[in-house]
Amino acid sequence: MRALFVPLALIWAGCAAEVDINTDPDGDGLTDAGEAQAASDPANPDSDQDGYLDGAESSGNTDPMNPDDHPYAGGWPIGACRNQVEPTGNTEGEVANNFSMVDQYGETVELHAFCDKVVYIVFAAVW
């Protein structure tokens, strides 16, 4: 019996692998680059300790470093434009001043948080 030795060679002929260097070590949904942009802690999944993961806050247009700014409990979408709204008046078709009300979940919501939505306000009063 004769042994046959064949040299093994790895040839990388035009093959390139893409490597994602943006990791998420704390598992909060924000990569290290996203954490740097948000100025949040890449080693803490909830940098402001408000009970919401940094990634959920960032994708929900809230500040992961401000415990008072977090997604609404009712799941209402918060528009990225909420801080740029300029009131124009209080008649139909105009942009009203920002105001807050309590929703059915007992949470205070702000009108301008819905800046990219049509908002219908229904209310009643008893005198």
Protein backbone atom coordinates (compact mmCIF):
# COMPACT_ATOMS: atom_id res chain seq x y z
CA MET A 1 0.00 0.00 0.00
CA ARG A 2 1.34 3.32 -0.96
CA ALA A 3 0.59 6.59 0.87
CA LEU A 4 -0.23 9.56 -1.27
CA PHE A 5 0.39 12.95 0.25
CA VAL A 6 -1.40 15.85 -1.40
CA PRO A 7 -0.63 19.36 -0.20
CA LEU A 8 -3.74 21.29 0.72
CA ALA A 9 -3.95 24.89 -0.34
CA LEU A 10 -6.69 27.36 0.30
CA ILE A 11 -7.10 29.69 -2.58
CA TRP A 12 -9.07 32.88 -2.05
CA ALA A 13 -9.66 33.70 -5.67
CA GLY A 14 -11.84 36.77 -5.66
CA CYS A 15 -13.89 35.69 -2.65
CA ALA A 16 -14.59 38.33 -0.08
CA ALA A 17 -16.71 37.96 2.99
CA GLU A 18 -18.49 40.94 4.46
CA VAL A 19 -18.17 41.18 8.19
CA ASP A 20 -20.56 43.29 10.24
CA ILE A 21 -18.39 45.11 12.73
CA ASN A 22 -21.43 46.70 14.34
CA THR A 23 -22.11 44.47 17.28
CA ASP A 24 -24.77 44.73 19.97
CA PRO A 25 -23.12 43.34 23.11
CA ASP A 26 -25.97 44.34 25.46
CA GLY A 27 -28.69 42.91 23.19
CA ASP A 28 -30.89 46.02 23.27
CA GLY A 29 -31.41 46.31 19.52
CA LEU A 30 -28.86 49.10 18.98
CA THR A 31 -25.47 48.40 17.47
CA ASP A 32 -22.39 50.01 18.97
CA ALA A 33 -22.62 52.65 16.23
CA GLY A 34 -26.26 53.31 17.14
CA GLU A 35 -25.35 53.54 20.82
CA ALA A 36 -22.66 56.11 19.98
CA GLN A 37 -25.13 58.16 17.93
CA ALA A 38 -27.72 58.07 20.75
CA ALA A 39 -25.02 58.69 23.40
CA SER A 40 -26.34 55.63 25.25
CA ASP A 41 -24.38 52.98 27.13
CA PRO A 42 -23.36 50.05 24.87
CA ALA A 43 -23.01 47.83 27.95
CA ASN A 44 -26.46 48.61 29.38
CA PRO A 45 -29.63 47.60 27.49
CA ASP A 46 -31.68 50.31 29.26
CA SER A 47 -29.35 53.28 29.64
CA ASP A 48 -31.89 55.58 31.33
CA GLN A 49 -33.44 52.82 33.50
CA ASP A 50 -37.02 53.61 32.43
CA GLY A 51 -37.99 50.03 31.60
CA TYR A 52 -37.62 50.37 27.81
CA LEU A 53 -34.69 48.95 25.84
CA ASP A 54 -32.48 51.52 24.12
CA GLY A 55 -33.24 50.01 20.70
CA ALA A 56 -37.01 50.27 21.24
CA GLU A 57 -36.65 53.88 22.33
CA SER A 58 -34.44 54.81 19.42
CA SER A 59 -36.67 53.16 16.81
CA GLY A 60 -39.73 54.65 18.56
CA ASN A 61 -38.35 58.20 18.19
CA THR A 62 -37.74 58.69 21.90
CA ASP A 63 -34.53 59.44 23.78
CA PRO A 64 -32.84 56.39 25.36
CA MET A 65 -31.00 58.75 27.73
CA ASN A 66 -34.11 60.51 29.11
CA PRO A 67 -36.22 58.43 31.54
CA ASP A 68 -39.22 60.74 30.99
CA ASP A 69 -39.14 60.19 27.21
CA HIS A 70 -40.18 56.66 26.24
CA PRO A 71 -42.65 54.89 23.94
CA TYR A 72 -46.31 55.15 24.89
CA ALA A 73 -47.72 52.20 26.85
CA GLY A 74 -50.66 52.06 24.40
CA GLY A 75 -48.27 51.52 21.52
CA TRP A 76 -49.17 54.83 19.88
CA PRO A 77 -46.52 55.69 17.29
CA ILE A 78 -44.44 58.77 18.09
CA GLY A 79 -43.42 60.78 15.02
CA ALA A 80 -39.79 61.73 14.44
CA CYS A 81 -41.04 65.23 13.61
CA ARG A 82 -42.61 65.87 17.03
CA ASN A 83 -40.00 68.41 18.12
CA GLN A 84 -40.15 70.38 14.86
CA VAL A 85 -43.90 71.09 14.79
CA GLU A 86 -44.78 74.77 14.38
CA PRO A 87 -48.32 75.70 15.47
CA THR A 88 -50.26 77.80 12.94
CA GLY A 89 -53.67 78.24 14.60
CA ASN A 90 -56.71 76.53 16.02
CA THR A 91 -59.12 76.27 13.11
CA GLU A 92 -59.73 73.33 10.80
CA GLY A 93 -56.67 72.51 8.71
CA GLU A 94 -54.25 74.41 10.93
CA VAL A 95 -51.66 73.01 13.33
CA ALA A 96 -52.80 73.51 16.93
CA ASN A 97 -50.58 74.32 19.88
CA ASN A 98 -49.19 71.26 21.62
CA PHE A 99 -51.22 69.98 24.55
CA SER A 100 -51.38 66.86 26.67
CA MET A 101 -54.24 64.54 27.59
CA VAL A 102 -54.54 61.25 29.44
CA ASP A 103 -55.28 58.23 27.25
CA GLN A 104 -57.27 55.11 28.16
CA TYR A 105 -54.12 53.56 29.65
CA GLY A 106 -53.75 56.41 32.14
CA GLU A 107 -50.68 57.79 30.38
CA THR A 108 -50.23 61.40 29.35
CA VAL A 109 -49.87 61.74 25.57
CA GLU A 110 -48.96 64.89 23.63
CA LEU A 111 -50.64 66.08 20.45
CA HIS A 112 -47.39 66.88 18.63
CA ALA A 113 -46.14 63.31 19.18
CA PHE A 114 -48.58 62.38 16.39
CA CYS A 115 -47.11 64.99 14.00
CA ASP A 116 -47.20 62.71 10.96
CA LYS A 117 -50.76 61.46 11.58
CA VAL A 118 -54.26 62.83 11.27
CA VAL A 119 -55.66 63.31 14.76
CA TYR A 120 -59.38 63.40 15.53
CA ILE A 121 -60.23 64.67 18.96
CA VAL A 122 -63.59 63.60 20.29
CA PHE A 123 -64.77 64.95 23.60
CA ALA A 124 -67.92 65.59 25.56
CA ALA A 125 -68.89 67.77 28.46
CA VAL A 126 -71.71 67.71 30.96
CA TRP A 127 -72.83 70.99 32.47
